[in-house]
């Protein structure tokens, strides 16, 4: 009879658990100090309270040229975010809605900004989901 708690089973379990943890962490589902918004919810909130919400695009300039951007958004690529925190300090009292292409880099940016005390919301699915919802892009 095969042992349930064999070394290989324990190693497999640990690896699967670590992979699941990593996936959930990368998606911002666990250990996140920010909220997620679906694109329609983010758009409705922005329309209602435009003066208290900043839209932050963390994609590259090349992606903006290819895919467009959400109107009124500020572009600071994720790899330049740490160097440009000072540009965002004036928005510390506002909500910052962060997006990227698909929602992965925006989670990383949201983690950085929330750790610095910003009021951050990640737009789930990024600009891809925004476009799929039929929301405005320029």
C-alpha atoms as a PDB file:
ATOM      1  CA  UNK A   1       0.000   0.000   0.000  1.00  0.00           C
ATOM      2  CA  UNK A   2       1.297   3.437  -0.950  1.00  0.00           C
ATOM      3  CA  UNK A   3       2.016   5.927   1.808  1.00  0.00           C
ATOM      4  CA  UNK A   4      -0.048   9.121   1.764  1.00  0.00           C
ATOM      5  CA  UNK A   5       2.653  11.115   3.519  1.00  0.00           C
ATOM      6  CA  UNK A   6       5.591  10.032   1.412  1.00  0.00           C
ATOM      7  CA  UNK A   7       8.407  12.476   0.776  1.00  0.00           C
ATOM      8  CA  UNK A   8       7.434  12.850  -2.886  1.00  0.00           C
ATOM      9  CA  UNK A   9       3.792  13.573  -1.981  1.00  0.00           C
ATOM     10  CA  UNK A  10       4.837  16.179   0.580  1.00  0.00           C
ATOM     11  CA  UNK A  11       7.185  17.841  -1.916  1.00  0.00           C
ATOM     12  CA  UNK A  12       4.448  17.849  -4.567  1.00  0.00           C
ATOM     13  CA  UNK A  13       1.961  19.366  -2.132  1.00  0.00           C
ATOM     14  CA  UNK A  14       4.437  22.080  -1.080  1.00  0.00           C
ATOM     15  CA  UNK A  15       5.223  22.938  -4.709  1.00  0.00           C
ATOM     16  CA  UNK A  16       1.546  23.113  -5.689  1.00  0.00           C
ATOM     17  CA  UNK A  17       0.751  25.237  -2.620  1.00  0.00           C
ATOM     18  CA  UNK A  18       3.660  27.570  -3.385  1.00  0.00           C
ATOM     19  CA  UNK A  19       2.549  27.925  -7.005  1.00  0.00           C
ATOM     20  CA  UNK A  20      -1.019  28.677  -5.916  1.00  0.00           C
ATOM     21  CA  UNK A  21       0.209  31.219  -3.368  1.00  0.00           C
ATOM     22  CA  UNK A  22       2.437  32.884  -5.974  1.00  0.00           C
ATOM     23  CA  UNK A  23      -0.426  33.061  -8.495  1.00  0.00           C
ATOM     24  CA  UNK A  24      -2.855  34.550  -5.964  1.00  0.00           C
ATOM     25  CA  UNK A  25      -0.227  37.036  -4.774  1.00  0.00           C
ATOM     26  CA  UNK A  26       0.670  38.123  -8.327  1.00  0.00           C
ATOM     27  CA  UNK A  27      -2.996  38.708  -9.127  1.00  0.00           C
ATOM     28  CA  UNK A  28      -3.425  40.762  -5.952  1.00  0.00           C
ATOM     29  CA  UNK A  29      -6.010  38.424  -4.433  1.00  0.00           C
ATOM     30  CA  UNK A  30      -4.026  37.911  -1.226  1.00  0.00           C
ATOM     31  CA  UNK A  31      -1.815  40.161   0.896  1.00  0.00           C
ATOM     32  CA  UNK A  32      -3.029  43.244  -0.958  1.00  0.00           C
ATOM     33  CA  UNK A  33      -3.544  46.657   0.663  1.00  0.00           C
ATOM     34  CA  UNK A  34      -5.723  47.870  -2.184  1.00  0.00           C
ATOM     35  CA  UNK A  35      -9.065  47.079  -3.749  1.00  0.00           C
ATOM     36  CA  UNK A  36      -9.945  45.823  -7.200  1.00  0.00           C
ATOM     37  CA  UNK A  37     -12.543  47.472  -9.424  1.00  0.00           C
ATOM     38  CA  UNK A  38     -14.029  46.085 -12.575  1.00  0.00           C
ATOM     39  CA  UNK A  39     -13.771  48.548 -15.482  1.00  0.00           C
ATOM     40  CA  UNK A  40     -17.451  49.561 -15.502  1.00  0.00           C
ATOM     41  CA  UNK A  41     -17.388  50.264 -11.768  1.00  0.00           C
ATOM     42  CA  UNK A  42     -14.176  52.298 -12.146  1.00  0.00           C
ATOM     43  CA  UNK A  43     -15.696  54.278 -15.031  1.00  0.00           C
ATOM     44  CA  UNK A  44     -18.894  55.029 -13.092  1.00  0.00           C
ATOM     45  CA  UNK A  45     -16.932  56.188 -10.040  1.00  0.00           C
ATOM     46  CA  UNK A  46     -14.659  58.340 -12.209  1.00  0.00           C
ATOM     47  CA  UNK A  47     -17.636  59.953 -13.952  1.00  0.00           C
ATOM     48  CA  UNK A  48     -19.234  60.774 -10.575  1.00  0.00           C
ATOM     49  CA  UNK A  49     -16.139  62.004  -8.740  1.00  0.00           C
ATOM     50  CA  UNK A  50     -13.631  63.031 -11.430  1.00  0.00           C
ATOM     51  CA  UNK A  51     -11.942  65.694  -9.291  1.00  0.00           C
ATOM     52  CA  UNK A  52     -11.030  63.182  -6.558  1.00  0.00           C
ATOM     53  CA  UNK A  53      -9.842  60.314  -8.762  1.00  0.00           C
ATOM     54  CA  UNK A  54      -6.594  59.994 -10.720  1.00  0.00           C
ATOM     55  CA  UNK A  55      -6.234  57.419 -13.494  1.00  0.00           C
ATOM     56  CA  UNK A  56      -2.695  56.028 -13.632  1.00  0.00           C
ATOM     57  CA  UNK A  57      -1.521  54.050 -16.658  1.00  0.00           C
ATOM     58  CA  UNK A  58       1.584  51.952 -15.901  1.00  0.00           C
ATOM     59  CA  UNK A  59       2.113  50.605 -19.441  1.00  0.00           C
ATOM     60  CA  UNK A  60       4.906  51.614 -21.794  1.00  0.00           C
ATOM     61  CA  UNK A  61       4.601  54.533 -24.238  1.00  0.00           C
ATOM     62  CA  UNK A  62       4.708  51.988 -27.080  1.00  0.00           C
ATOM     63  CA  UNK A  63       1.655  50.209 -25.679  1.00  0.00           C
ATOM     64  CA  UNK A  64      -0.200  53.512 -25.448  1.00  0.00           C
ATOM     65  CA  UNK A  65       0.578  54.197 -29.125  1.00  0.00           C
ATOM     66  CA  UNK A  66      -0.685  50.742 -30.082  1.00  0.00           C
ATOM     67  CA  UNK A  67      -3.718  50.365 -27.797  1.00  0.00           C
ATOM     68  CA  UNK A  68      -4.676  53.939 -26.920  1.00  0.00           C
ATOM     69  CA  UNK A  69      -5.320  55.086 -23.378  1.00  0.00           C
ATOM     70  CA  UNK A  70      -8.148  55.885 -21.031  1.00  0.00           C
ATOM     71  CA  UNK A  71      -8.910  59.600 -21.418  1.00  0.00           C
ATOM     72  CA  UNK A  72      -7.467  61.840 -18.680  1.00  0.00           C
ATOM     73  CA  UNK A  73      -5.013  59.203 -17.482  1.00  0.00           C
ATOM     74  CA  UNK A  74      -1.422  59.889 -16.451  1.00  0.00           C
ATOM     75  CA  UNK A  75       1.264  57.667 -17.965  1.00  0.00           C
ATOM     76  CA  UNK A  76       4.048  56.496 -15.655  1.00  0.00           C
ATOM     77  CA  UNK A  77       5.396  53.106 -16.779  1.00  0.00           C
ATOM     78  CA  UNK A  78       5.832  50.594 -13.963  1.00  0.00           C
ATOM     79  CA  UNK A  79       9.603  50.482 -14.472  1.00  0.00           C
ATOM     80  CA  UNK A  80       9.718  54.278 -13.939  1.00  0.00           C
ATOM     81  CA  UNK A  81       7.244  54.436 -11.043  1.00  0.00           C
ATOM     82  CA  UNK A  82       9.805  54.473  -8.223  1.00  0.00           C
ATOM     83  CA  UNK A  83      11.622  57.391  -9.871  1.00  0.00           C
ATOM     84  CA  UNK A  84       8.383  59.349 -10.289  1.00  0.00           C
ATOM     85  CA  UNK A  85       6.685  58.975  -6.906  1.00  0.00           C
ATOM     86  CA  UNK A  86       7.201  62.706  -6.305  1.00  0.00           C
ATOM     87  CA  UNK A  87       4.905  63.445  -9.272  1.00  0.00           C
ATOM     88  CA  UNK A  88       2.118  61.558  -7.499  1.00  0.00           C
ATOM     89  CA  UNK A  89       2.557  63.001  -3.989  1.00  0.00           C
ATOM     90  CA  UNK A  90       0.195  65.869  -4.816  1.00  0.00           C
ATOM     91  CA  UNK A  91      -2.525  63.221  -5.307  1.00  0.00           C
ATOM     92  CA  UNK A  92      -2.070  61.571  -1.898  1.00  0.00           C
ATOM     93  CA  UNK A  93      -5.532  62.788  -0.800  1.00  0.00           C
ATOM     94  CA  UNK A  94      -7.202  61.349  -3.926  1.00  0.00           C
ATOM     95  CA  UNK A  95      -8.075  57.865  -5.116  1.00  0.00           C
ATOM     96  CA  UNK A  96      -5.672  56.457  -7.689  1.00  0.00           C
ATOM     97  CA  UNK A  97      -7.140  53.992 -10.189  1.00  0.00           C
ATOM     98  CA  UNK A  98      -4.234  52.024 -11.693  1.00  0.00           C
ATOM     99  CA  UNK A  99      -4.327  50.078 -14.940  1.00  0.00           C
ATOM    100  CA  UNK A 100      -2.008  48.357 -17.392  1.00  0.00           C
ATOM    101  CA  UNK A 101      -2.671  46.107 -20.376  1.00  0.00           C
ATOM    102  CA  UNK A 102      -4.115  43.065 -18.612  1.00  0.00           C
ATOM    103  CA  UNK A 103      -3.984  43.742 -14.876  1.00  0.00           C
ATOM    104  CA  UNK A 104      -0.644  42.246 -13.817  1.00  0.00           C
ATOM    105  CA  UNK A 105       1.670  45.263 -13.773  1.00  0.00           C
ATOM    106  CA  UNK A 106      -1.072  47.367 -12.225  1.00  0.00           C
ATOM    107  CA  UNK A 107      -1.147  44.970  -9.272  1.00  0.00           C
ATOM    108  CA  UNK A 108       2.596  45.502  -8.779  1.00  0.00           C
ATOM    109  CA  UNK A 109       2.138  49.281  -9.056  1.00  0.00           C
ATOM    110  CA  UNK A 110      -0.811  49.150  -6.652  1.00  0.00           C
ATOM    111  CA  UNK A 111       1.312  47.293  -4.102  1.00  0.00           C
ATOM    112  CA  UNK A 112       4.047  49.933  -4.358  1.00  0.00           C
ATOM    113  CA  UNK A 113       1.662  52.870  -4.078  1.00  0.00           C
ATOM    114  CA  UNK A 114      -0.405  51.398  -1.250  1.00  0.00           C
ATOM    115  CA  UNK A 115       2.784  50.694   0.731  1.00  0.00           C
ATOM    116  CA  UNK A 116       3.570  54.422   0.415  1.00  0.00           C
ATOM    117  CA  UNK A 117       0.178  55.434   1.799  1.00  0.00           C
ATOM    118  CA  UNK A 118      -1.720  56.150  -1.419  1.00  0.00           C
ATOM    119  CA  UNK A 119      -5.412  55.264  -1.720  1.00  0.00           C
ATOM    120  CA  UNK A 120      -5.141  52.762  -4.584  1.00  0.00           C
ATOM    121  CA  UNK A 121      -7.618  50.776  -6.650  1.00  0.00           C
ATOM    122  CA  UNK A 122      -6.551  48.288  -9.305  1.00  0.00           C
ATOM    123  CA  UNK A 123      -8.678  48.141 -12.462  1.00  0.00           C
ATOM    124  CA  UNK A 124      -9.171  44.415 -13.087  1.00  0.00           C
ATOM    125  CA  UNK A 125      -8.180  43.219 -16.530  1.00  0.00           C
ATOM    126  CA  UNK A 126      -6.492  46.494 -17.482  1.00  0.00           C
ATOM    127  CA  UNK A 127      -7.209  48.341 -20.695  1.00  0.00           C
ATOM    128  CA  UNK A 128      -8.082  45.049 -22.402  1.00  0.00           C
ATOM    129  CA  UNK A 129     -11.076  44.581 -20.076  1.00  0.00           C
ATOM    130  CA  UNK A 130     -11.852  48.316 -20.328  1.00  0.00           C
ATOM    131  CA  UNK A 131     -12.121  48.026 -24.121  1.00  0.00           C
ATOM    132  CA  UNK A 132     -14.128  44.785 -23.891  1.00  0.00           C
ATOM    133  CA  UNK A 133     -16.616  46.666 -21.688  1.00  0.00           C
ATOM    134  CA  UNK A 134     -17.000  49.249 -24.472  1.00  0.00           C
ATOM    135  CA  UNK A 135     -15.632  52.099 -22.356  1.00  0.00           C
ATOM    136  CA  UNK A 136     -13.959  55.162 -23.910  1.00  0.00           C
ATOM    137  CA  UNK A 137     -10.366  55.030 -25.147  1.00  0.00           C
ATOM    138  CA  UNK A 138      -8.463  57.720 -27.026  1.00  0.00           C
END
